[in-house]
Amino acid sequence: MGWTWAKDSILNNIDADIPPKDIFVAVCVELGRYYREKGYSFTKSRPKLTLTSGDIQLEIILKSSGFNRAGESVSLEIMPTFYCLPYVKAGVQGRGILFDHSSISSEFNLHKNDLACELIGIYGDVTSFVNHANPTEKIRYTHMCDVYGINETKFLQIIRYINERIVSWIEKIQIESGVEEMIAFQRAERPGWNLQNCNDFVNCSLAYYICDRFPALAQKWDIGSLEEG
């Protein structure tokens, strides 16, 4: 797959005099142009991509930073949130939010015996750090990148990241194997996670969703039962 900037895009000729905000917006517009062809809606004023599949809605908010430096760096932050629309409309606890980027940005190994964690960037760069906060985390995928001087190759790497790390979950969260993978993520980070103690707003609706739509998995993983409430 190739990609060519729109003819009037400032990305065709980035120089140090272009304000970081303009570069950020131009990248967002190109993402909007790409994903509109895939059925997404795109909002430019507060950059956001939205796609609905069945009861599931994916919103990807695109943000930048106040620490951008003209001629040096322009931050792009990719912030997905998955909703179950019937729960949003019904006012289910957790506001219908199933999960956000924090639930799909890491891989865990409960049997790790060191504190090392790999950090994999959107462009494929790999570094490592000592992770005292969560020793079982073995890999973390960053959701930010620098788009100053971006070319079409790096743009396609952003697309690949979005498709592989985010978009794939639209289907996965609607099938048993994908839901079980998400449960494993939650339990790796919070071993006692279940319907009764998921008191943060991001995870409340997820536990409810599992108990409601996948009761066999809720029983298998001892997440709880809606009848208990």
Protein backbone atom coordinates (compact mmCIF):
# COMPACT_ATOMS: atom_id res chain seq x y z
CA MET A 1 0.00 0.00 0.00
CA GLY A 2 1.28 3.43 -0.92
CA TRP A 3 0.19 6.91 0.07
CA THR A 4 0.54 10.35 -1.45
CA TRP A 5 -0.16 13.60 0.38
CA ALA A 6 -3.03 15.74 -0.89
CA LYS A 7 -1.71 18.24 -3.44
CA ASP A 8 -2.46 21.24 -1.21
CA SER A 9 -1.06 19.67 1.99
CA ILE A 10 1.75 21.50 3.79
CA LEU A 11 3.25 18.06 4.40
CA ASN A 12 4.60 18.19 0.85
CA ASN A 13 7.16 20.76 1.97
CA ILE A 14 7.67 20.98 5.73
CA ASP A 15 10.09 23.64 6.92
CA ALA A 16 11.05 25.22 10.22
CA ASP A 17 8.72 28.20 9.71
CA ILE A 18 5.52 26.14 9.74
CA PRO A 19 3.79 26.29 13.16
CA PRO A 20 3.60 22.89 14.91
CA LYS A 21 -0.19 23.19 15.15
CA ASP A 22 -0.48 23.41 11.36
CA ILE A 23 1.65 20.28 10.91
CA PHE A 24 -0.42 18.41 13.49
CA VAL A 25 -3.69 19.40 11.79
CA ALA A 26 -2.31 18.44 8.38
CA VAL A 27 -1.41 14.95 9.64
CA CYS A 28 -4.88 14.59 11.18
CA VAL A 29 -6.48 15.62 7.89
CA GLU A 30 -4.48 12.94 6.06
CA LEU A 31 -5.58 10.34 8.63
CA GLY A 32 -9.15 11.50 8.12
CA ARG A 33 -8.75 11.20 4.35
CA TYR A 34 -7.44 7.64 4.71
CA TYR A 35 -10.05 6.43 7.20
CA ARG A 36 -13.04 8.05 5.51
CA GLU A 37 -12.43 5.55 2.72
CA LYS A 38 -12.79 2.81 5.36
CA GLY A 39 -16.16 4.07 6.58
CA TYR A 40 -15.03 6.31 9.45
CA SER A 41 -16.28 9.80 10.12
CA PHE A 42 -13.69 12.49 10.78
CA THR A 43 -13.99 15.67 12.82
CA LYS A 44 -11.34 18.28 12.13
CA SER A 45 -12.10 20.94 14.77
CA ARG A 46 -11.19 18.59 17.63
CA PRO A 47 -9.59 15.85 15.55
CA LYS A 48 -11.41 12.55 16.01
CA LEU A 49 -12.08 9.40 14.00
CA THR A 50 -15.27 7.45 14.69
CA LEU A 51 -16.49 4.06 13.48
CA THR A 52 -19.56 2.07 14.57
CA SER A 53 -19.79 -1.69 14.15
CA GLY A 54 -22.94 -3.26 15.54
CA ASP A 55 -23.24 -2.17 19.17
CA ILE A 56 -19.57 -1.16 19.37
CA GLN A 57 -18.32 2.35 18.66
CA LEU A 58 -14.66 3.23 18.37
CA GLU A 59 -13.57 6.83 18.88
CA ILE A 60 -9.96 7.77 18.23
CA ILE A 61 -9.09 11.20 19.55
CA LEU A 62 -5.97 12.77 18.05
CA LYS A 63 -4.09 15.13 20.34
CA SER A 64 -0.85 17.07 20.36
CA SER A 65 1.31 18.71 23.01
CA GLY A 66 1.94 22.16 24.38
CA PHE A 67 5.64 21.33 24.35
CA ASN A 68 6.00 21.17 20.56
CA ARG A 69 8.96 23.11 19.18
CA ALA A 70 8.79 24.75 15.77
CA GLY A 71 11.34 23.25 13.43
CA GLU A 72 12.10 20.41 15.86
CA SER A 73 9.16 18.34 17.10
CA VAL A 74 5.40 17.93 16.74
CA SER A 75 3.66 15.37 18.93
CA LEU A 76 0.81 13.14 17.75
CA GLU A 77 -1.04 11.25 20.47
CA ILE A 78 -3.53 8.54 19.46
CA MET A 79 -6.23 7.98 22.11
CA PRO A 80 -8.83 5.28 21.32
CA THR A 81 -11.92 4.55 23.40
CA PHE A 82 -14.35 1.70 22.79
CA TYR A 83 -18.02 2.08 23.75
CA CYS A 84 -21.01 -0.25 23.90
CA LEU A 85 -23.74 2.03 22.54
CA PRO A 86 -26.77 0.44 24.27
CA TYR A 87 -24.99 0.93 27.60
CA VAL A 88 -24.23 4.55 26.78
CA LYS A 89 -27.91 5.20 26.05
CA ALA A 90 -29.07 3.27 29.13
CA GLY A 91 -26.67 5.08 31.45
CA VAL A 92 -24.99 1.87 32.61
CA GLN A 93 -22.31 2.47 35.24
CA GLY A 94 -19.05 3.20 33.50
CA ARG A 95 -20.77 5.38 30.86
CA GLY A 96 -20.72 2.55 28.34
CA ILE A 97 -16.92 2.69 28.10
CA LEU A 98 -15.44 -0.78 27.59
CA PHE A 99 -11.75 0.14 27.47
CA ASP A 100 -9.27 2.70 26.21
CA HIS A 101 -5.66 2.67 25.02
CA SER A 102 -4.32 1.71 28.44
CA SER A 103 -5.96 -1.72 28.19
CA ILE A 104 -4.46 -2.59 24.79
CA SER A 105 -1.00 -1.01 25.02
CA SER A 106 0.81 -3.71 26.99
CA GLU A 107 1.69 -7.39 27.07
CA PHE A 108 2.25 -9.19 30.36
CA ASN A 109 4.16 -12.22 31.63
CA LEU A 110 3.11 -13.26 35.11
CA HIS A 111 6.25 -15.40 35.44
CA LYS A 112 8.79 -12.66 34.68
CA ASN A 113 11.67 -12.54 37.15
CA ASP A 114 13.09 -9.15 36.21
CA LEU A 115 11.93 -5.53 35.91
CA ALA A 116 12.88 -5.01 32.25
CA CYS A 117 10.14 -3.86 29.89
CA GLU A 118 10.44 -3.25 26.15
CA LEU A 119 9.03 0.00 24.81
CA ILE A 120 8.00 -0.26 21.15
CA GLY A 121 7.37 2.95 19.24
CA ILE A 122 4.83 3.56 16.49
CA TYR A 123 7.67 3.76 13.97
CA GLY A 124 9.09 0.43 15.16
CA ASP A 125 11.88 1.76 17.37
CA VAL A 126 12.58 -0.39 20.43
CA THR A 127 14.02 0.70 23.77
CA SER A 128 13.73 -0.71 27.28
CA PHE A 129 13.23 0.61 30.78
CA VAL A 130 13.12 -0.65 34.35
CA ASN A 131 9.48 -1.05 35.34
CA HIS A 132 9.14 -0.89 39.10
CA ALA A 133 5.44 0.00 38.90
CA ASN A 134 4.36 -3.18 37.09
CA PRO A 135 7.03 -5.92 37.02
CA THR A 136 4.82 -8.34 35.02
CA GLU A 137 4.59 -5.95 32.05
CA LYS A 138 6.98 -7.24 29.38
CA ILE A 139 6.09 -5.00 26.41
CA ARG A 140 4.51 -1.56 26.17
CA TYR A 141 3.43 -0.04 22.87
CA THR A 142 3.60 3.74 22.81
CA HIS A 143 0.62 5.68 21.49
CA MET A 144 2.60 8.84 20.69
CA CYS A 145 5.04 9.78 17.95
CA ASP A 146 6.81 12.81 16.51
CA VAL A 147 5.36 13.89 13.15
CA TYR A 148 7.73 16.78 12.41
CA GLY A 149 9.33 15.96 9.06
CA ILE A 150 6.92 13.08 8.53
CA ASN A 151 7.01 11.32 5.17
CA GLU A 152 4.64 8.88 3.52
CA THR A 153 6.55 5.88 4.89
CA LYS A 154 6.15 7.04 8.49
CA PHE A 155 2.52 7.89 7.82
CA LEU A 156 1.88 4.30 6.75
CA GLN A 157 3.58 3.11 9.93
CA ILE A 158 1.05 5.17 11.90
CA ILE A 159 -1.75 3.56 9.87
CA ARG A 160 -0.32 0.12 10.58
CA TYR A 161 -0.18 0.87 14.30
CA ILE A 162 -3.81 2.06 14.34
CA ASN A 163 -5.03 -0.92 12.34
CA GLU A 164 -3.10 -3.59 14.24
CA ARG A 165 -3.15 -2.26 17.79
CA ILE A 166 -6.56 -0.51 17.80
CA VAL A 167 -8.92 -1.26 14.91
CA SER A 168 -8.51 -5.03 15.27
CA TRP A 169 -10.30 -4.79 18.62
CA ILE A 170 -13.59 -3.75 17.01
CA GLU A 171 -14.07 -7.34 15.91
CA LYS A 172 -12.22 -9.01 18.78
CA ILE A 173 -14.34 -7.47 21.54
CA GLN A 174 -17.46 -8.94 19.88
CA ILE A 175 -16.25 -12.56 19.85
CA GLU A 176 -15.48 -14.94 22.70
CA SER A 177 -11.76 -15.40 22.00
CA GLY A 178 -11.18 -11.65 21.85
CA VAL A 179 -13.17 -11.01 25.04
CA GLU A 180 -11.16 -13.70 26.82
CA GLU A 181 -7.95 -12.04 25.65
CA MET A 182 -9.17 -8.77 27.16
CA ILE A 183 -10.04 -10.51 30.44
CA ALA A 184 -6.50 -11.92 30.54
CA PHE A 185 -5.11 -8.39 30.09
CA GLN A 186 -7.21 -7.08 32.95
CA ARG A 187 -6.29 -9.93 35.28
CA ALA A 188 -2.58 -9.67 34.47
CA GLU A 189 -2.60 -6.04 35.56
CA ARG A 190 -5.17 -6.43 38.36
CA PRO A 191 -5.40 -10.09 39.52
CA GLY A 192 -8.60 -9.56 41.51
CA TRP A 193 -10.48 -7.63 38.81
CA ASN A 194 -14.19 -8.53 38.68
CA LEU A 195 -17.69 -7.05 38.44
CA GLN A 196 -17.83 -6.09 42.11
CA ASN A 197 -14.51 -4.25 42.46
CA CYS A 198 -14.08 -2.62 39.04
CA ASN A 199 -14.81 0.79 40.51
CA ASP A 200 -12.91 2.93 38.01
CA PHE A 201 -14.95 4.42 35.19
CA VAL A 202 -12.95 2.85 32.37
CA ASN A 203 -13.50 -0.75 33.42
CA CYS A 204 -16.98 -0.77 34.96
CA SER A 205 -18.88 -1.23 31.72
CA LEU A 206 -16.41 -3.84 30.48
CA ALA A 207 -17.14 -6.19 33.38
CA TYR A 208 -20.88 -5.55 32.91
CA TYR A 209 -20.52 -6.23 29.16
CA ILE A 210 -18.80 -9.57 29.81
CA CYS A 211 -21.42 -10.67 32.34
CA ASP A 212 -24.24 -9.53 30.06
CA ARG A 213 -23.00 -10.77 26.67
CA PHE A 214 -20.60 -13.58 27.62
CA PRO A 215 -21.91 -15.16 30.84
CA ALA A 216 -19.94 -18.39 30.30
CA LEU A 217 -16.69 -16.40 30.31
CA ALA A 218 -17.83 -14.45 33.36
CA GLN A 219 -18.35 -17.74 35.17
CA LYS A 220 -15.08 -19.26 33.90
CA TRP A 221 -13.04 -16.28 35.08
CA ASP A 222 -15.12 -15.70 38.22
CA ILE A 223 -15.99 -12.13 37.18
CA GLY A 224 -19.38 -12.23 38.84
CA SER A 225 -23.04 -12.32 37.93
CA LEU A 226 -25.46 -9.52 37.18
CA GLU A 227 -28.01 -11.28 39.40
CA GLU A 228 -25.70 -10.72 42.38
CA GLY A 229 -26.23 -6.95 42.11
